[in-house]
């Protein structure tokens, strides 16, 4: 009979490569409506002459990896429309994670994540319910501006991940 831990990818150290566990402290749904500047290209105007910007911003704290634990991080969700493409002929990431190598207390950690505009309301509902954690996976966490390959939200953390995240 196989033990509970055999074949469990969570226990493999590579499971944590490029991964960040972030605790969500506060969030805000921002809306800006205004007249477009005459230099704004027509394709970026809403209803022909308005700027309409809806975003969600988070104030968070990094829980893991340990070398970044305790640092505050600002996360900005940018909505994108149906014309945006991903993959071979499109974007090669779903966001960016900015990791200040020099003077992190002055420059600050930040992330910018892409979200389909149709799911902005769903994100607000998730954040207003039990969601407490943001999980980010990057291609390379060892550079100042890491590309984010995946992200997810959760209300809990798996027991096997808690020691890595410093969570009891």
N, C-alpha and C. Protein backbone atom coordinates (compact mmCIF):
# COMPACT_ATOMS: atom_id res chain seq x y z
N UNK A 1 0.84 -1.19 0.00
CA UNK A 1 0.00 0.00 0.00
C UNK A 1 0.88 1.24 0.00
N UNK A 2 0.53 2.20 -0.82
CA UNK A 2 1.30 3.43 -0.93
C UNK A 2 1.06 4.33 0.27
N UNK A 3 2.14 4.94 0.77
CA UNK A 3 1.95 5.88 1.88
C UNK A 3 1.35 7.17 1.36
N UNK A 4 0.83 7.96 2.26
CA UNK A 4 0.18 9.22 1.89
C UNK A 4 1.14 10.18 1.21
N UNK A 5 2.44 10.13 1.56
CA UNK A 5 3.41 11.09 1.05
C UNK A 5 4.06 10.66 -0.26
N UNK A 6 3.95 9.40 -0.65
CA UNK A 6 4.61 8.93 -1.86
C UNK A 6 3.98 9.57 -3.09
N UNK A 7 4.85 10.05 -3.97
CA UNK A 7 4.37 10.64 -5.21
C UNK A 7 3.70 11.99 -5.06
N UNK A 8 3.82 12.59 -3.91
CA UNK A 8 3.18 13.88 -3.67
C UNK A 8 4.12 14.99 -4.13
N UNK A 9 3.75 15.70 -5.21
CA UNK A 9 4.59 16.76 -5.76
C UNK A 9 4.83 17.90 -4.80
N UNK A 10 3.98 18.08 -3.80
CA UNK A 10 4.15 19.18 -2.85
C UNK A 10 5.44 19.01 -2.06
N UNK A 11 5.83 17.77 -1.79
CA UNK A 11 7.02 17.53 -0.99
C UNK A 11 8.30 17.69 -1.80
N UNK A 12 8.21 17.68 -3.11
CA UNK A 12 9.36 17.87 -3.96
C UNK A 12 9.77 19.35 -3.89
N UNK A 13 11.05 19.65 -3.54
CA UNK A 13 11.47 21.05 -3.43
C UNK A 13 11.23 21.88 -4.69
N UNK A 14 11.24 21.25 -5.85
CA UNK A 14 11.02 22.01 -7.09
C UNK A 14 9.60 22.57 -7.16
N UNK A 15 8.69 22.03 -6.35
CA UNK A 15 7.32 22.52 -6.29
C UNK A 15 7.31 24.01 -5.91
N UNK A 16 8.30 24.45 -5.13
CA UNK A 16 8.33 25.81 -4.63
C UNK A 16 9.19 26.75 -5.48
N UNK A 17 9.86 26.24 -6.51
CA UNK A 17 10.71 27.08 -7.36
C UNK A 17 9.89 28.16 -8.04
N UNK A 18 10.28 29.41 -7.84
CA UNK A 18 9.60 30.52 -8.48
C UNK A 18 8.22 30.82 -7.92
N UNK A 19 7.86 30.20 -6.82
CA UNK A 19 6.53 30.36 -6.26
C UNK A 19 6.55 31.35 -5.10
N UNK A 20 5.48 32.12 -4.97
CA UNK A 20 5.31 33.06 -3.87
C UNK A 20 3.96 32.80 -3.21
N UNK A 21 3.94 32.88 -1.90
CA UNK A 21 2.70 32.81 -1.14
C UNK A 21 2.52 34.18 -0.50
N UNK A 22 1.39 34.80 -0.78
CA UNK A 22 1.16 36.18 -0.38
C UNK A 22 -0.15 36.27 0.39
N UNK A 23 -0.10 36.92 1.54
CA UNK A 23 -1.30 37.12 2.36
C UNK A 23 -1.94 38.46 1.97
N UNK A 24 -3.23 38.42 1.68
CA UNK A 24 -3.96 39.64 1.30
C UNK A 24 -4.40 40.35 2.57
N UNK A 25 -4.00 41.60 2.73
CA UNK A 25 -4.35 42.38 3.91
C UNK A 25 -5.56 43.28 3.66
N UNK A 26 -5.53 44.03 2.55
CA UNK A 26 -6.57 44.99 2.22
C UNK A 26 -6.71 45.03 0.70
N UNK A 27 -7.92 45.27 0.21
CA UNK A 27 -8.11 45.43 -1.23
C UNK A 27 -9.05 46.58 -1.50
N UNK A 28 -8.97 47.11 -2.72
CA UNK A 28 -9.80 48.24 -3.11
C UNK A 28 -10.14 48.12 -4.59
N UNK A 29 -11.40 48.34 -4.91
CA UNK A 29 -11.84 48.33 -6.30
C UNK A 29 -11.93 49.78 -6.73
N UNK A 30 -11.10 50.15 -7.70
CA UNK A 30 -11.03 51.55 -8.12
C UNK A 30 -11.73 51.75 -9.45
N UNK A 31 -12.40 52.87 -9.55
CA UNK A 31 -13.09 53.24 -10.77
C UNK A 31 -12.76 54.68 -11.10
N UNK A 32 -12.37 54.92 -12.34
CA UNK A 32 -12.10 56.27 -12.80
C UNK A 32 -12.88 56.50 -14.08
N UNK A 33 -13.66 57.56 -14.13
CA UNK A 33 -14.41 57.95 -15.32
C UNK A 33 -14.07 59.41 -15.59
N UNK A 34 -13.71 59.70 -16.82
CA UNK A 34 -13.39 61.08 -17.18
C UNK A 34 -13.38 61.26 -18.67
N UNK A 35 -13.34 62.48 -19.10
CA UNK A 35 -13.27 62.77 -20.52
C UNK A 35 -11.87 62.43 -21.04
N UNK A 36 -11.84 61.80 -22.21
CA UNK A 36 -10.56 61.42 -22.82
C UNK A 36 -9.82 62.67 -23.27
N UNK A 37 -8.51 62.61 -23.15
CA UNK A 37 -7.67 63.69 -23.68
C UNK A 37 -7.72 63.60 -25.20
N UNK A 38 -7.60 64.72 -25.86
CA UNK A 38 -7.71 64.72 -27.32
C UNK A 38 -6.60 63.90 -27.98
N UNK A 39 -5.51 63.63 -27.27
CA UNK A 39 -4.42 62.82 -27.83
C UNK A 39 -4.60 61.32 -27.58
N UNK A 40 -5.63 60.95 -26.80
CA UNK A 40 -5.90 59.53 -26.56
C UNK A 40 -6.39 58.90 -27.85
N UNK A 41 -5.74 57.83 -28.32
CA UNK A 41 -6.20 57.18 -29.55
C UNK A 41 -7.66 56.73 -29.42
N UNK A 42 -8.39 56.84 -30.50
CA UNK A 42 -9.82 56.54 -30.52
C UNK A 42 -10.14 55.13 -30.01
N UNK A 43 -9.27 54.16 -30.33
CA UNK A 43 -9.55 52.78 -29.92
C UNK A 43 -9.49 52.60 -28.40
N UNK A 44 -8.90 53.54 -27.67
CA UNK A 44 -8.81 53.45 -26.22
C UNK A 44 -9.88 54.28 -25.52
N UNK A 45 -10.76 54.89 -26.29
CA UNK A 45 -11.82 55.70 -25.70
C UNK A 45 -13.08 54.86 -25.54
N UNK A 46 -13.77 55.07 -24.44
CA UNK A 46 -15.03 54.39 -24.18
C UNK A 46 -16.16 55.30 -24.65
N UNK A 47 -17.11 54.75 -25.37
CA UNK A 47 -18.25 55.52 -25.89
C UNK A 47 -17.79 56.73 -26.70
N UNK A 48 -16.63 56.61 -27.32
CA UNK A 48 -16.15 57.66 -28.21
C UNK A 48 -15.36 58.77 -27.56
N UNK A 49 -15.52 59.01 -26.25
CA UNK A 49 -14.82 60.14 -25.66
C UNK A 49 -14.57 60.05 -24.18
N UNK A 50 -14.70 58.86 -23.59
CA UNK A 50 -14.48 58.72 -22.15
C UNK A 50 -13.29 57.83 -21.86
N UNK A 51 -12.64 58.13 -20.76
CA UNK A 51 -11.67 57.21 -20.16
C UNK A 51 -12.44 56.47 -19.08
N UNK A 52 -12.44 55.16 -19.15
CA UNK A 52 -13.10 54.34 -18.15
C UNK A 52 -12.08 53.30 -17.69
N UNK A 53 -11.66 53.41 -16.45
CA UNK A 53 -10.64 52.52 -15.93
C UNK A 53 -11.16 51.87 -14.65
N UNK A 54 -11.23 50.54 -14.67
CA UNK A 54 -11.63 49.77 -13.49
C UNK A 54 -10.47 48.86 -13.13
N UNK A 55 -10.01 48.93 -11.90
CA UNK A 55 -8.91 48.09 -11.45
C UNK A 55 -9.17 47.64 -10.02
N UNK A 56 -8.46 46.61 -9.62
CA UNK A 56 -8.48 46.16 -8.23
C UNK A 56 -7.05 46.17 -7.74
N UNK A 57 -6.83 46.81 -6.60
CA UNK A 57 -5.51 46.89 -6.00
C UNK A 57 -5.53 46.20 -4.64
N UNK A 58 -4.46 45.48 -4.35
CA UNK A 58 -4.32 44.78 -3.07
C UNK A 58 -3.10 45.29 -2.33
N UNK A 59 -3.20 45.35 -1.03
CA UNK A 59 -2.06 45.55 -0.14
C UNK A 59 -1.84 44.21 0.52
N UNK A 60 -0.62 43.67 0.41
CA UNK A 60 -0.36 42.31 0.85
C UNK A 60 0.96 42.22 1.59
N UNK A 61 1.21 41.02 2.11
CA UNK A 61 2.48 40.71 2.79
C UNK A 61 2.95 39.35 2.26
N UNK A 62 4.23 39.27 1.93
CA UNK A 62 4.79 38.01 1.44
C UNK A 62 5.02 37.07 2.62
N UNK A 63 4.52 35.85 2.50
CA UNK A 63 4.74 34.82 3.51
C UNK A 63 5.89 33.88 3.11
N UNK A 64 6.03 33.61 1.83
CA UNK A 64 7.08 32.71 1.36
C UNK A 64 7.43 33.07 -0.07
N UNK A 65 8.67 32.86 -0.44
CA UNK A 65 9.73 32.14 0.25
C UNK A 65 10.30 32.94 1.42
N UNK A 66 10.99 32.25 2.28
CA UNK A 66 11.48 32.81 3.54
C UNK A 66 12.32 34.07 3.35
N UNK A 67 13.16 34.11 2.30
CA UNK A 67 14.05 35.27 2.12
C UNK A 67 13.30 36.56 1.83
N UNK A 68 12.01 36.45 1.48
CA UNK A 68 11.19 37.65 1.22
C UNK A 68 10.06 37.82 2.24
N UNK A 69 9.97 36.92 3.20
CA UNK A 69 8.89 36.93 4.19
C UNK A 69 8.84 38.25 4.94
N UNK A 70 7.63 38.75 5.10
CA UNK A 70 7.41 39.98 5.86
C UNK A 70 7.42 41.24 5.03
N UNK A 71 7.89 41.17 3.79
CA UNK A 71 7.90 42.36 2.94
C UNK A 71 6.48 42.64 2.43
N UNK A 72 6.13 43.90 2.43
CA UNK A 72 4.84 44.30 1.87
C UNK A 72 4.93 44.31 0.36
N UNK A 73 3.82 44.01 -0.27
CA UNK A 73 3.77 44.00 -1.73
C UNK A 73 2.43 44.58 -2.17
N UNK A 74 2.48 45.43 -3.17
CA UNK A 74 1.28 46.01 -3.78
C UNK A 74 0.98 45.20 -5.03
N UNK A 75 -0.27 44.79 -5.17
CA UNK A 75 -0.67 43.99 -6.33
C UNK A 75 -1.77 44.75 -7.06
N UNK A 76 -1.58 44.88 -8.36
CA UNK A 76 -2.52 45.61 -9.20
C UNK A 76 -3.07 44.66 -10.26
N UNK A 77 -4.38 44.52 -10.34
CA UNK A 77 -5.01 43.71 -11.37
C UNK A 77 -5.44 44.62 -12.51
N UNK A 78 -4.94 44.32 -13.70
CA UNK A 78 -5.28 45.10 -14.89
C UNK A 78 -6.20 44.27 -15.78
N UNK A 79 -7.40 44.76 -16.05
CA UNK A 79 -8.29 44.01 -16.92
C UNK A 79 -7.87 44.13 -18.39
N UNK A 80 -8.10 43.05 -19.14
CA UNK A 80 -7.83 43.08 -20.57
C UNK A 80 -9.07 42.61 -21.32
N UNK A 81 -9.17 43.05 -22.56
CA UNK A 81 -10.34 42.74 -23.38
C UNK A 81 -10.19 41.47 -24.20
N UNK A 82 -11.22 41.16 -24.97
CA UNK A 82 -11.26 39.91 -25.73
C UNK A 82 -10.23 39.82 -26.87
N UNK A 83 -9.65 40.92 -27.25
CA UNK A 83 -8.67 40.89 -28.34
C UNK A 83 -7.27 40.49 -27.89
N UNK A 84 -7.02 40.51 -26.60
CA UNK A 84 -5.71 40.14 -26.08
C UNK A 84 -5.51 38.64 -26.27
N UNK A 85 -4.35 38.27 -26.77
CA UNK A 85 -4.04 36.86 -27.03
C UNK A 85 -2.83 36.43 -26.21
N UNK A 86 -2.82 35.14 -25.86
CA UNK A 86 -1.73 34.54 -25.11
C UNK A 86 -1.20 33.34 -25.88
N UNK A 87 0.00 32.93 -25.54
CA UNK A 87 0.57 31.75 -26.20
C UNK A 87 1.59 32.11 -27.25
N UNK A 88 1.75 31.23 -28.23
CA UNK A 88 2.81 31.38 -29.22
C UNK A 88 2.78 32.71 -29.95
N UNK A 89 1.62 33.20 -30.29
CA UNK A 89 1.53 34.46 -31.03
C UNK A 89 0.98 35.61 -30.18
N UNK A 90 1.04 35.43 -28.89
CA UNK A 90 0.52 36.46 -28.01
C UNK A 90 1.45 36.69 -26.83
N UNK A 91 0.88 37.08 -25.73
CA UNK A 91 1.66 37.37 -24.53
C UNK A 91 2.19 36.06 -23.93
N UNK A 92 3.38 36.14 -23.35
CA UNK A 92 4.01 34.96 -22.77
C UNK A 92 3.96 34.96 -21.24
N UNK A 93 3.02 35.69 -20.67
CA UNK A 93 2.90 35.78 -19.21
C UNK A 93 1.51 36.30 -18.86
N UNK A 94 1.13 36.13 -17.59
CA UNK A 94 -0.15 36.69 -17.11
C UNK A 94 0.10 37.82 -16.13
N UNK A 95 1.35 38.26 -16.05
CA UNK A 95 1.68 39.38 -15.17
C UNK A 95 3.17 39.47 -14.92
N UNK A 96 3.52 40.39 -14.02
CA UNK A 96 4.90 40.64 -13.66
C UNK A 96 4.99 40.75 -12.14
N UNK A 97 6.11 40.32 -11.60
CA UNK A 97 6.39 40.50 -10.19
C UNK A 97 7.71 41.26 -10.10
N UNK A 98 7.66 42.45 -9.48
CA UNK A 98 8.84 43.31 -9.37
C UNK A 98 9.49 43.07 -8.02
N UNK A 99 10.73 42.63 -8.08
CA UNK A 99 11.48 42.25 -6.89
C UNK A 99 12.70 43.15 -6.78
N UNK A 100 12.63 44.17 -5.91
CA UNK A 100 13.76 45.11 -5.82
C UNK A 100 14.98 44.44 -5.19
N UNK A 101 16.05 44.37 -5.93
CA UNK A 101 17.29 43.74 -5.43
C UNK A 101 18.06 44.71 -4.53
N UNK A 102 17.99 45.99 -4.87
CA UNK A 102 18.70 46.97 -4.06
C UNK A 102 17.68 47.84 -3.32
N UNK A 103 17.88 48.02 -2.04
CA UNK A 103 17.03 48.87 -1.19
C UNK A 103 15.54 48.52 -1.31
N UNK A 104 15.14 47.25 -1.00
CA UNK A 104 13.73 46.88 -1.13
C UNK A 104 12.80 47.71 -0.25
N UNK A 105 13.31 48.22 0.86
CA UNK A 105 12.46 49.03 1.73
C UNK A 105 12.13 50.38 1.11
N UNK A 106 12.93 50.84 0.15
CA UNK A 106 12.67 52.11 -0.52
C UNK A 106 11.86 51.91 -1.80
N UNK A 107 12.23 50.92 -2.60
CA UNK A 107 11.57 50.71 -3.89
C UNK A 107 10.28 49.93 -3.76
N UNK A 108 10.23 48.98 -2.87
CA UNK A 108 9.02 48.21 -2.64
C UNK A 108 8.79 47.11 -3.65
N UNK A 109 8.17 46.06 -3.18
CA UNK A 109 7.77 44.94 -4.02
C UNK A 109 6.42 45.28 -4.64
N UNK A 110 6.19 44.80 -5.86
CA UNK A 110 4.90 45.01 -6.49
C UNK A 110 4.65 43.94 -7.54
N UNK A 111 3.39 43.78 -7.86
CA UNK A 111 2.99 42.84 -8.91
C UNK A 111 1.90 43.48 -9.74
N UNK A 112 1.91 43.17 -11.01
CA UNK A 112 0.86 43.60 -11.91
C UNK A 112 0.35 42.35 -12.60
N UNK A 113 -0.93 42.04 -12.40
CA UNK A 113 -1.51 40.81 -12.93
C UNK A 113 -2.63 41.12 -13.91
N UNK A 114 -2.70 40.36 -14.97
CA UNK A 114 -3.73 40.53 -15.98
C UNK A 114 -4.94 39.68 -15.64
N UNK A 115 -6.12 40.23 -15.90
CA UNK A 115 -7.37 39.54 -15.60
C UNK A 115 -8.38 39.88 -16.70
N UNK A 116 -9.08 38.88 -17.24
CA UNK A 116 -10.10 39.22 -18.23
C UNK A 116 -11.10 40.21 -17.64
N UNK A 117 -11.42 41.28 -18.39
CA UNK A 117 -12.30 42.31 -17.84
C UNK A 117 -13.65 41.76 -17.42
N UNK A 118 -14.11 40.70 -18.05
CA UNK A 118 -15.39 40.10 -17.67
C UNK A 118 -15.34 39.46 -16.28
N UNK A 119 -14.13 39.18 -15.76
CA UNK A 119 -13.98 38.54 -14.46
C UNK A 119 -13.64 39.49 -13.33
N UNK A 120 -13.64 40.79 -13.59
CA UNK A 120 -13.32 41.77 -12.56
C UNK A 120 -14.31 41.71 -11.41
N UNK A 121 -15.59 41.58 -11.72
CA UNK A 121 -16.62 41.48 -10.68
C UNK A 121 -16.44 40.19 -9.88
N UNK A 122 -16.13 39.10 -10.55
CA UNK A 122 -15.90 37.82 -9.87
C UNK A 122 -14.74 37.93 -8.88
N UNK A 123 -13.69 38.64 -9.27
CA UNK A 123 -12.55 38.84 -8.38
C UNK A 123 -12.98 39.64 -7.15
N UNK A 124 -13.78 40.69 -7.35
CA UNK A 124 -14.25 41.50 -6.22
C UNK A 124 -15.10 40.66 -5.27
N UNK A 125 -15.94 39.79 -5.81
CA UNK A 125 -16.76 38.92 -4.96
C UNK A 125 -15.86 37.97 -4.18
N UNK A 126 -14.87 37.38 -4.84
CA UNK A 126 -13.95 36.46 -4.15
C UNK A 126 -13.20 37.18 -3.03
N UNK A 127 -12.73 38.37 -3.30
CA UNK A 127 -11.98 39.12 -2.29
C UNK A 127 -12.86 39.54 -1.11
N UNK A 128 -14.13 39.78 -1.37
CA UNK A 128 -15.02 40.22 -0.29
C UNK A 128 -15.56 39.04 0.51
N UNK A 129 -15.28 37.82 0.08
CA UNK A 129 -15.75 36.66 0.84
C UNK A 129 -14.63 36.13 1.72
N UNK A 130 -14.17 34.93 1.49
CA UNK A 130 -13.19 34.31 2.39
C UNK A 130 -11.77 34.28 1.86
N UNK A 131 -11.54 34.83 0.68
CA UNK A 131 -10.21 34.77 0.08
C UNK A 131 -9.20 35.52 0.93
N UNK A 132 -8.07 34.82 1.25
CA UNK A 132 -7.04 35.42 2.09
C UNK A 132 -5.65 35.36 1.48
N UNK A 133 -5.47 34.50 0.47
CA UNK A 133 -4.12 34.26 -0.03
C UNK A 133 -4.07 34.37 -1.55
N UNK A 134 -2.94 34.89 -2.02
CA UNK A 134 -2.64 34.96 -3.43
C UNK A 134 -1.42 34.08 -3.66
N UNK A 135 -1.51 33.21 -4.64
CA UNK A 135 -0.41 32.31 -4.99
C UNK A 135 0.11 32.76 -6.36
N UNK A 136 1.41 33.03 -6.44
CA UNK A 136 2.03 33.42 -7.71
C UNK A 136 3.09 32.41 -8.09
N UNK A 137 3.13 32.07 -9.36
CA UNK A 137 4.20 31.24 -9.90
C UNK A 137 4.90 32.06 -10.97
N UNK A 138 6.21 32.14 -10.87
CA UNK A 138 6.99 32.92 -11.84
C UNK A 138 7.90 31.98 -12.62
N UNK A 139 8.36 32.47 -13.76
CA UNK A 139 9.33 31.70 -14.53
C UNK A 139 10.70 31.77 -13.88
N UNK A 140 11.03 32.92 -13.27
CA UNK A 140 12.35 33.10 -12.69
C UNK A 140 12.29 34.17 -11.61
N UNK A 141 12.28 33.74 -10.38
CA UNK A 141 12.18 34.67 -9.25
C UNK A 141 13.52 35.32 -8.92
N UNK A 142 14.57 34.95 -9.65
CA UNK A 142 15.89 35.48 -9.37
C UNK A 142 16.23 36.75 -10.14
N UNK A 143 15.26 37.33 -10.80
CA UNK A 143 15.51 38.57 -11.55
C UNK A 143 14.59 39.67 -11.01
N UNK A 144 14.94 40.92 -11.30
CA UNK A 144 14.16 42.05 -10.78
C UNK A 144 12.72 42.07 -11.24
N UNK A 145 12.48 41.69 -12.49
CA UNK A 145 11.12 41.71 -13.03
C UNK A 145 10.80 40.31 -13.55
N UNK A 146 10.24 39.50 -12.69
CA UNK A 146 9.92 38.12 -13.04
C UNK A 146 8.58 38.06 -13.76
N UNK A 147 8.51 37.25 -14.79
CA UNK A 147 7.25 37.03 -15.49
C UNK A 147 6.41 36.05 -14.67
N UNK A 148 5.13 36.36 -14.51
CA UNK A 148 4.22 35.49 -13.77
C UNK A 148 3.58 34.53 -14.77
N UNK A 149 3.72 33.23 -14.51
CA UNK A 149 3.14 32.22 -15.41
C UNK A 149 1.73 31.83 -14.98
N UNK A 150 1.45 31.87 -13.68
CA UNK A 150 0.15 31.48 -13.12
C UNK A 150 -0.10 32.26 -11.84
N UNK A 151 -1.35 32.43 -11.52
CA UNK A 151 -1.71 32.93 -10.19
C UNK A 151 -3.05 32.36 -9.80
N UNK A 152 -3.29 32.36 -8.50
CA UNK A 152 -4.56 31.86 -7.99
C UNK A 152 -4.86 32.46 -6.64
N UNK A 153 -6.09 32.34 -6.23
CA UNK A 153 -6.55 32.85 -4.94
C UNK A 153 -7.09 31.68 -4.13
N UNK A 154 -6.94 31.77 -2.82
CA UNK A 154 -7.51 30.73 -1.96
C UNK A 154 -7.88 31.30 -0.60
N UNK A 155 -8.76 30.59 0.08
CA UNK A 155 -9.14 30.99 1.43
C UNK A 155 -8.30 30.27 2.48
N UNK A 156 -7.69 29.16 2.10
CA UNK A 156 -6.85 28.38 3.01
C UNK A 156 -5.57 27.97 2.31
N UNK A 157 -4.68 27.38 3.10
CA UNK A 157 -3.42 26.86 2.58
C UNK A 157 -3.36 25.38 2.96
N UNK A 158 -2.93 24.55 2.04
CA UNK A 158 -2.78 23.12 2.32
C UNK A 158 -1.83 22.92 3.48
N UNK A 159 -2.12 21.95 4.33
CA UNK A 159 -1.30 21.68 5.50
C UNK A 159 0.18 21.46 5.15
N UNK A 160 0.44 20.83 4.03
CA UNK A 160 1.83 20.53 3.63
C UNK A 160 2.56 21.79 3.17
N UNK A 161 1.84 22.84 2.84
CA UNK A 161 2.47 24.09 2.38
C UNK A 161 2.67 25.06 3.55
N UNK A 162 1.96 24.87 4.63
CA UNK A 162 2.02 25.81 5.77
C UNK A 162 3.43 26.01 6.32
N UNK A 163 4.24 24.95 6.52
CA UNK A 163 5.59 25.21 7.04
C UNK A 163 6.42 26.09 6.10
N UNK A 164 6.29 25.91 4.80
CA UNK A 164 7.01 26.72 3.83
C UNK A 164 6.55 28.18 3.93
N UNK A 165 5.26 28.39 4.16
CA UNK A 165 4.72 29.75 4.24
C UNK A 165 4.82 30.36 5.62
N UNK A 166 5.35 29.62 6.59
CA UNK A 166 5.47 30.16 7.95
C UNK A 166 4.13 30.35 8.62
N UNK A 167 3.16 29.52 8.23
CA UNK A 167 1.80 29.63 8.77
C UNK A 167 1.56 28.46 9.69
N UNK A 168 1.00 28.72 10.83
CA UNK A 168 0.68 27.66 11.81
C UNK A 168 -0.65 27.01 11.50
